[in-house]
Amino acid sequence: MRRALDEAGYDDIPGNGLYVIGGLALGVPDIPLGQLIKELRISKQAAGQLVDTLVTRGYLERAVDKDDRRKLTVTLTERGKAAAATQKAAREKVDAELLASVGEDDVKRTHRTLAVLADIGRQGEGDQDDEQ
């Protein structure tokens, strides 16, 4: 994916920026920017710096919320949407190559295994919070 983005002129996206751009591109109202940042498990300061970088580089736009002027909204710019489309196309190509190499059953099994592993990791984090 990174190679496809670099070749398309999006070589200035920070690593975590791909996750934010891709998540916002999904356009799912239940996944606000705050949730995406939380899933990255980075500090508020690092999240602010990441968003600032993406705004400065032209991938995101910040605006005052129309309904609540105390809030800021973050949306993809045209450059951000184009980078997201490049990212999606590259991901689909990798997915197709993987499917052709190992088959649908193995891909589904791997997805299930990774989902369970992620759940175990999240549960473990809760245990650490309890210990502190």
N, C-alpha and C. Protein backbone atom coordinates (compact mmCIF):
# COMPACT_ATOMS: atom_id res chain seq x y z
N MET A 1 0.82 -1.19 0.00
CA MET A 1 0.00 0.00 0.00
C MET A 1 0.87 1.26 0.00
N ARG A 2 1.89 1.23 0.83
CA ARG A 2 2.75 2.40 0.95
C ARG A 2 3.39 2.73 -0.40
N ARG A 3 3.81 1.71 -1.13
CA ARG A 3 4.43 1.93 -2.44
C ARG A 3 3.43 2.59 -3.39
N ALA A 4 2.20 2.11 -3.41
CA ALA A 4 1.18 2.69 -4.29
C ALA A 4 0.92 4.15 -3.93
N LEU A 5 0.88 4.45 -2.65
CA LEU A 5 0.67 5.83 -2.22
C LEU A 5 1.85 6.71 -2.61
N ASP A 6 3.06 6.20 -2.40
CA ASP A 6 4.27 6.95 -2.77
C ASP A 6 4.27 7.27 -4.26
N GLU A 7 3.97 6.25 -5.07
CA GLU A 7 3.98 6.43 -6.52
C GLU A 7 2.91 7.41 -6.99
N ALA A 8 1.82 7.51 -6.23
CA ALA A 8 0.74 8.42 -6.60
C ALA A 8 0.95 9.84 -6.05
N GLY A 9 2.07 10.04 -5.35
CA GLY A 9 2.37 11.37 -4.83
C GLY A 9 1.91 11.62 -3.42
N TYR A 10 1.55 10.58 -2.70
CA TYR A 10 1.11 10.73 -1.32
C TYR A 10 2.17 10.15 -0.38
N ASP A 11 3.41 10.57 -0.60
CA ASP A 11 4.52 10.02 0.16
C ASP A 11 4.77 10.75 1.48
N ASP A 12 3.92 11.69 1.82
CA ASP A 12 4.11 12.46 3.04
C ASP A 12 3.08 12.13 4.13
N ILE A 13 2.40 11.00 3.98
CA ILE A 13 1.41 10.60 4.99
C ILE A 13 2.13 9.87 6.12
N PRO A 14 2.00 10.37 7.36
CA PRO A 14 2.60 9.64 8.49
C PRO A 14 1.97 8.26 8.62
N GLY A 15 2.69 7.33 9.22
CA GLY A 15 2.20 5.96 9.36
C GLY A 15 0.79 5.85 9.90
N ASN A 16 0.52 6.47 11.03
CA ASN A 16 -0.82 6.40 11.61
C ASN A 16 -1.84 7.20 10.80
N GLY A 17 -1.35 8.07 9.94
CA GLY A 17 -2.25 8.86 9.10
C GLY A 17 -3.07 8.01 8.16
N LEU A 18 -2.49 6.89 7.72
CA LEU A 18 -3.23 5.98 6.83
C LEU A 18 -4.49 5.45 7.51
N TYR A 19 -4.36 5.15 8.80
CA TYR A 19 -5.50 4.61 9.55
C TYR A 19 -6.60 5.67 9.67
N VAL A 20 -6.20 6.91 9.96
CA VAL A 20 -7.17 7.99 10.10
C VAL A 20 -7.84 8.29 8.76
N ILE A 21 -7.05 8.44 7.71
CA ILE A 21 -7.60 8.74 6.39
C ILE A 21 -8.53 7.61 5.93
N GLY A 22 -8.07 6.37 6.06
CA GLY A 22 -8.89 5.23 5.66
C GLY A 22 -10.18 5.14 6.46
N GLY A 23 -10.09 5.37 7.76
CA GLY A 23 -11.28 5.32 8.61
C GLY A 23 -12.29 6.40 8.27
N LEU A 24 -11.80 7.62 8.06
CA LEU A 24 -12.70 8.71 7.68
C LEU A 24 -13.31 8.48 6.30
N ALA A 25 -12.56 7.83 5.42
CA ALA A 25 -13.05 7.55 4.07
C ALA A 25 -14.22 6.58 4.09
N LEU A 26 -14.28 5.74 5.11
CA LEU A 26 -15.40 4.80 5.21
C LEU A 26 -16.72 5.54 5.38
N GLY A 27 -16.65 6.73 5.97
CA GLY A 27 -17.84 7.55 6.12
C GLY A 27 -18.88 6.97 7.06
N VAL A 28 -18.44 6.14 7.98
CA VAL A 28 -19.37 5.51 8.92
C VAL A 28 -19.62 6.49 10.07
N PRO A 29 -20.85 6.95 10.24
CA PRO A 29 -21.11 7.94 11.28
C PRO A 29 -20.84 7.43 12.69
N ASP A 30 -20.84 6.12 12.88
CA ASP A 30 -20.60 5.57 14.20
C ASP A 30 -19.12 5.55 14.56
N ILE A 31 -18.25 5.91 13.61
CA ILE A 31 -16.82 5.88 13.88
C ILE A 31 -16.28 7.31 13.74
N PRO A 32 -16.43 8.12 14.79
CA PRO A 32 -15.91 9.49 14.71
C PRO A 32 -14.38 9.50 14.83
N LEU A 33 -13.78 10.63 14.52
CA LEU A 33 -12.33 10.78 14.59
C LEU A 33 -11.82 10.37 15.98
N GLY A 34 -12.52 10.76 17.02
CA GLY A 34 -12.09 10.42 18.38
C GLY A 34 -11.96 8.92 18.58
N GLN A 35 -12.85 8.15 18.00
CA GLN A 35 -12.79 6.69 18.11
C GLN A 35 -11.59 6.15 17.33
N LEU A 36 -11.35 6.69 16.15
CA LEU A 36 -10.19 6.25 15.37
C LEU A 36 -8.89 6.52 16.14
N ILE A 37 -8.80 7.69 16.73
CA ILE A 37 -7.61 8.05 17.49
C ILE A 37 -7.47 7.14 18.71
N LYS A 38 -8.58 6.86 19.37
CA LYS A 38 -8.54 5.97 20.54
C LYS A 38 -8.02 4.59 20.14
N GLU A 39 -8.44 4.09 18.99
CA GLU A 39 -8.01 2.78 18.52
C GLU A 39 -6.52 2.75 18.20
N LEU A 40 -5.93 3.90 17.90
CA LEU A 40 -4.50 3.97 17.63
C LEU A 40 -3.69 3.84 18.92
N ARG A 41 -4.35 4.07 20.04
CA ARG A 41 -3.69 4.00 21.36
C ARG A 41 -2.50 4.95 21.45
N ILE A 42 -2.75 6.20 21.09
CA ILE A 42 -1.72 7.21 21.21
C ILE A 42 -2.24 8.30 22.14
N SER A 43 -1.34 9.11 22.67
CA SER A 43 -1.73 10.16 23.59
C SER A 43 -2.54 11.24 22.87
N LYS A 44 -3.24 12.06 23.65
CA LYS A 44 -4.00 13.16 23.06
C LYS A 44 -3.06 14.13 22.34
N GLN A 45 -1.88 14.32 22.92
CA GLN A 45 -0.90 15.20 22.29
C GLN A 45 -0.45 14.65 20.94
N ALA A 46 -0.14 13.35 20.89
CA ALA A 46 0.27 12.72 19.63
C ALA A 46 -0.87 12.76 18.61
N ALA A 47 -2.10 12.56 19.09
CA ALA A 47 -3.25 12.61 18.19
C ALA A 47 -3.41 14.00 17.61
N GLY A 48 -3.26 15.02 18.45
CA GLY A 48 -3.36 16.40 17.98
C GLY A 48 -2.29 16.71 16.95
N GLN A 49 -1.07 16.23 17.20
CA GLN A 49 0.02 16.45 16.25
C GLN A 49 -0.24 15.73 14.93
N LEU A 50 -0.80 14.50 15.01
CA LEU A 50 -1.11 13.75 13.80
C LEU A 50 -2.16 14.49 12.97
N VAL A 51 -3.22 14.94 13.61
CA VAL A 51 -4.26 15.68 12.89
C VAL A 51 -3.69 16.97 12.32
N ASP A 52 -2.89 17.70 13.12
CA ASP A 52 -2.27 18.93 12.62
C ASP A 52 -1.44 18.66 11.37
N THR A 53 -0.66 17.57 11.40
CA THR A 53 0.18 17.22 10.25
C THR A 53 -0.68 16.92 9.02
N LEU A 54 -1.75 16.16 9.22
CA LEU A 54 -2.63 15.81 8.09
C LEU A 54 -3.36 17.04 7.55
N VAL A 55 -3.68 17.99 8.42
CA VAL A 55 -4.30 19.25 7.96
C VAL A 55 -3.28 20.06 7.18
N THR A 56 -2.08 20.21 7.74
CA THR A 56 -1.03 21.00 7.10
C THR A 56 -0.67 20.44 5.72
N ARG A 57 -0.66 19.11 5.61
CA ARG A 57 -0.28 18.48 4.34
C ARG A 57 -1.44 18.35 3.36
N GLY A 58 -2.61 18.85 3.77
CA GLY A 58 -3.73 18.93 2.84
C GLY A 58 -4.64 17.72 2.75
N TYR A 59 -4.54 16.81 3.71
CA TYR A 59 -5.38 15.60 3.69
C TYR A 59 -6.69 15.79 4.46
N LEU A 60 -6.65 16.62 5.48
CA LEU A 60 -7.82 16.85 6.32
C LEU A 60 -8.12 18.34 6.38
N GLU A 61 -9.38 18.62 6.69
CA GLU A 61 -9.81 20.00 6.90
C GLU A 61 -10.54 20.06 8.23
N ARG A 62 -10.21 21.06 9.02
CA ARG A 62 -10.88 21.27 10.30
C ARG A 62 -11.85 22.42 10.16
N ALA A 63 -13.01 22.29 10.79
CA ALA A 63 -14.01 23.37 10.76
C ALA A 63 -14.79 23.35 12.06
N VAL A 64 -15.41 24.46 12.38
CA VAL A 64 -16.27 24.54 13.55
C VAL A 64 -17.57 23.82 13.24
N ASP A 65 -18.03 22.98 14.16
CA ASP A 65 -19.28 22.23 14.00
C ASP A 65 -20.43 23.22 13.85
N LYS A 66 -21.30 22.97 12.88
CA LYS A 66 -22.43 23.87 12.62
C LYS A 66 -23.43 23.88 13.79
N ASP A 67 -23.59 22.74 14.44
CA ASP A 67 -24.58 22.62 15.50
C ASP A 67 -24.04 22.98 16.88
N ASP A 68 -22.75 22.83 17.07
CA ASP A 68 -22.14 23.10 18.37
C ASP A 68 -20.79 23.77 18.14
N ARG A 69 -20.77 25.10 18.24
CA ARG A 69 -19.59 25.87 17.90
C ARG A 69 -18.40 25.58 18.81
N ARG A 70 -18.61 24.84 19.90
CA ARG A 70 -17.50 24.46 20.78
C ARG A 70 -16.72 23.29 20.21
N LYS A 71 -17.30 22.58 19.25
CA LYS A 71 -16.67 21.40 18.67
C LYS A 71 -16.04 21.72 17.32
N LEU A 72 -14.98 20.96 17.02
CA LEU A 72 -14.37 21.03 15.70
C LEU A 72 -14.69 19.74 14.96
N THR A 73 -14.94 19.86 13.68
CA THR A 73 -15.13 18.67 12.85
C THR A 73 -13.91 18.51 11.95
N VAL A 74 -13.62 17.30 11.60
CA VAL A 74 -12.50 17.00 10.72
C VAL A 74 -13.04 16.17 9.56
N THR A 75 -12.76 16.62 8.35
CA THR A 75 -13.21 15.90 7.16
C THR A 75 -12.04 15.75 6.19
N LEU A 76 -12.21 14.82 5.27
CA LEU A 76 -11.21 14.63 4.24
C LEU A 76 -11.32 15.73 3.19
N THR A 77 -10.18 16.22 2.74
CA THR A 77 -10.15 17.13 1.61
C THR A 77 -10.19 16.29 0.34
N GLU A 78 -10.20 16.94 -0.81
CA GLU A 78 -10.13 16.19 -2.07
C GLU A 78 -8.84 15.38 -2.13
N ARG A 79 -7.74 15.96 -1.65
CA ARG A 79 -6.46 15.23 -1.61
C ARG A 79 -6.59 14.02 -0.69
N GLY A 80 -7.24 14.19 0.45
CA GLY A 80 -7.44 13.09 1.38
C GLY A 80 -8.30 11.98 0.78
N LYS A 81 -9.35 12.38 0.05
CA LYS A 81 -10.21 11.38 -0.59
C LYS A 81 -9.45 10.62 -1.68
N ALA A 82 -8.61 11.34 -2.42
CA ALA A 82 -7.83 10.69 -3.48
C ALA A 82 -6.82 9.72 -2.88
N ALA A 83 -6.19 10.12 -1.78
CA ALA A 83 -5.24 9.22 -1.10
C ALA A 83 -5.97 7.99 -0.57
N ALA A 84 -7.16 8.19 -0.03
CA ALA A 84 -7.96 7.07 0.48
C ALA A 84 -8.34 6.11 -0.65
N ALA A 85 -8.67 6.66 -1.80
CA ALA A 85 -9.01 5.80 -2.95
C ALA A 85 -7.80 5.00 -3.41
N THR A 86 -6.62 5.63 -3.40
CA THR A 86 -5.39 4.92 -3.76
C THR A 86 -5.11 3.81 -2.76
N GLN A 87 -5.27 4.13 -1.49
CA GLN A 87 -5.06 3.15 -0.41
C GLN A 87 -6.03 1.97 -0.57
N LYS A 88 -7.29 2.27 -0.86
CA LYS A 88 -8.29 1.21 -1.02
C LYS A 88 -7.96 0.30 -2.21
N ALA A 89 -7.57 0.91 -3.32
CA ALA A 89 -7.23 0.11 -4.51
C ALA A 89 -6.03 -0.80 -4.23
N ALA A 90 -5.04 -0.27 -3.52
CA ALA A 90 -3.86 -1.08 -3.19
C ALA A 90 -4.24 -2.22 -2.25
N ARG A 91 -5.10 -1.92 -1.26
CA ARG A 91 -5.55 -2.96 -0.33
C ARG A 91 -6.33 -4.05 -1.06
N GLU A 92 -7.18 -3.66 -1.99
CA GLU A 92 -7.96 -4.63 -2.75
C GLU A 92 -7.05 -5.51 -3.61
N LYS A 93 -5.98 -4.93 -4.14
CA LYS A 93 -5.03 -5.71 -4.94
C LYS A 93 -4.32 -6.75 -4.05
N VAL A 94 -3.88 -6.32 -2.88
CA VAL A 94 -3.23 -7.25 -1.95
C VAL A 94 -4.21 -8.35 -1.54
N ASP A 95 -5.45 -7.96 -1.24
CA ASP A 95 -6.46 -8.95 -0.85
C ASP A 95 -6.68 -9.97 -1.96
N ALA A 96 -6.72 -9.51 -3.21
CA ALA A 96 -6.92 -10.42 -4.35
C ALA A 96 -5.74 -11.37 -4.51
N GLU A 97 -4.54 -10.85 -4.34
CA GLU A 97 -3.34 -11.70 -4.44
C GLU A 97 -3.32 -12.74 -3.32
N LEU A 98 -3.70 -12.33 -2.12
CA LEU A 98 -3.75 -13.25 -0.99
C LEU A 98 -4.78 -14.34 -1.24
N LEU A 99 -5.95 -13.95 -1.69
CA LEU A 99 -7.02 -14.90 -1.99
C LEU A 99 -6.58 -15.90 -3.05
N ALA A 100 -5.92 -15.41 -4.08
CA ALA A 100 -5.45 -16.30 -5.15
C ALA A 100 -4.35 -17.25 -4.65
N SER A 101 -3.57 -16.80 -3.69
CA SER A 101 -2.46 -17.61 -3.19
C SER A 101 -2.88 -18.69 -2.20
N VAL A 102 -3.80 -18.34 -1.28
CA VAL A 102 -4.11 -19.30 -0.20
C VAL A 102 -5.56 -19.78 -0.20
N GLY A 103 -6.43 -19.11 -0.92
CA GLY A 103 -7.82 -19.54 -1.00
C GLY A 103 -8.71 -18.87 0.04
N GLU A 104 -9.99 -18.88 -0.25
CA GLU A 104 -10.99 -18.18 0.56
C GLU A 104 -11.08 -18.74 1.99
N ASP A 105 -11.05 -20.06 2.14
CA ASP A 105 -11.16 -20.64 3.48
C ASP A 105 -10.03 -20.19 4.40
N ASP A 106 -8.81 -20.20 3.88
CA ASP A 106 -7.67 -19.77 4.71
C ASP A 106 -7.75 -18.29 5.04
N VAL A 107 -8.20 -17.46 4.10
CA VAL A 107 -8.33 -16.03 4.37
C VAL A 107 -9.38 -15.81 5.46
N LYS A 108 -10.53 -16.47 5.36
CA LYS A 108 -11.58 -16.32 6.38
C LYS A 108 -11.08 -16.80 7.74
N ARG A 109 -10.38 -17.92 7.75
CA ARG A 109 -9.85 -18.46 9.00
C ARG A 109 -8.86 -17.47 9.63
N THR A 110 -8.02 -16.89 8.81
CA THR A 110 -7.05 -15.92 9.31
C THR A 110 -7.75 -14.68 9.86
N HIS A 111 -8.76 -14.19 9.17
CA HIS A 111 -9.52 -13.04 9.67
C HIS A 111 -10.13 -13.35 11.03
N ARG A 112 -10.75 -14.54 11.14
CA ARG A 112 -11.35 -14.92 12.43
C ARG A 112 -10.29 -15.00 13.52
N THR A 113 -9.15 -15.61 13.20
CA THR A 113 -8.07 -15.76 14.17
C THR A 113 -7.56 -14.39 14.62
N LEU A 114 -7.34 -13.50 13.68
CA LEU A 114 -6.86 -12.16 14.03
C LEU A 114 -7.88 -11.38 14.86
N ALA A 115 -9.17 -11.54 14.55
CA ALA A 115 -10.21 -10.87 15.33
C ALA A 115 -10.21 -11.36 16.78
N VAL A 116 -10.07 -12.67 16.96
CA VAL A 116 -10.02 -13.23 18.31
C VAL A 116 -8.76 -12.73 19.02
N LEU A 117 -7.65 -12.73 18.34
CA LEU A 117 -6.40 -12.26 18.93
C LEU A 117 -6.52 -10.79 19.36
N ALA A 118 -7.14 -9.97 18.53
CA ALA A 118 -7.35 -8.56 18.89
C ALA A 118 -8.24 -8.44 20.12
N ASP A 119 -9.30 -9.25 20.19
CA ASP A 119 -10.18 -9.24 21.37
C ASP A 119 -9.42 -9.63 22.62
N ILE A 120 -8.58 -10.64 22.51
CA ILE A 120 -7.77 -11.08 23.66
C ILE A 120 -6.87 -9.93 24.11
N GLY A 121 -6.27 -9.24 23.16
CA GLY A 121 -5.42 -8.10 23.48
C GLY A 121 -6.17 -7.00 24.18
N ARG A 122 -7.39 -6.70 23.72
CA ARG A 122 -8.20 -5.66 24.36
C ARG A 122 -8.61 -6.08 25.76
N GLN A 123 -8.93 -7.36 25.95
CA GLN A 123 -9.29 -7.84 27.28
C GLN A 123 -8.10 -7.74 28.22
N GLY A 124 -6.92 -8.06 27.72
CA GLY A 124 -5.70 -7.98 28.52
C GLY A 124 -5.42 -6.55 28.97
N GLU A 125 -5.74 -5.58 28.12
CA GLU A 125 -5.55 -4.18 28.49
C GLU A 125 -6.46 -3.80 29.64
N GLY A 126 -7.69 -4.33 29.63
CA GLY A 126 -8.61 -4.09 30.73
C GLY A 126 -8.08 -4.64 32.03
N ASP A 127 -7.44 -5.82 31.96
CA ASP A 127 -6.85 -6.42 33.16
C ASP A 127 -5.74 -5.54 33.71
N GLN A 128 -4.94 -4.95 32.83
CA GLN A 128 -3.85 -4.08 33.28
C GLN A 128 -4.41 -2.84 33.94
N ASP A 129 -5.52 -2.31 33.41
CA ASP A 129 -6.14 -1.13 34.01
C ASP A 129 -6.62 -1.45 35.41
N ASP A 130 -7.14 -2.69 35.62
CA ASP A 130 -7.62 -3.10 36.92
C ASP A 130 -6.48 -3.18 37.94
N GLU A 131 -5.28 -3.56 37.47
CA GLU A 131 -4.15 -3.73 38.36
C GLU A 131 -3.59 -2.39 38.83
N GLN A 132 -3.83 -1.33 38.06
CA GLN A 132 -3.24 -0.03 38.38
C GLN A 132 -4.08 0.73 39.33
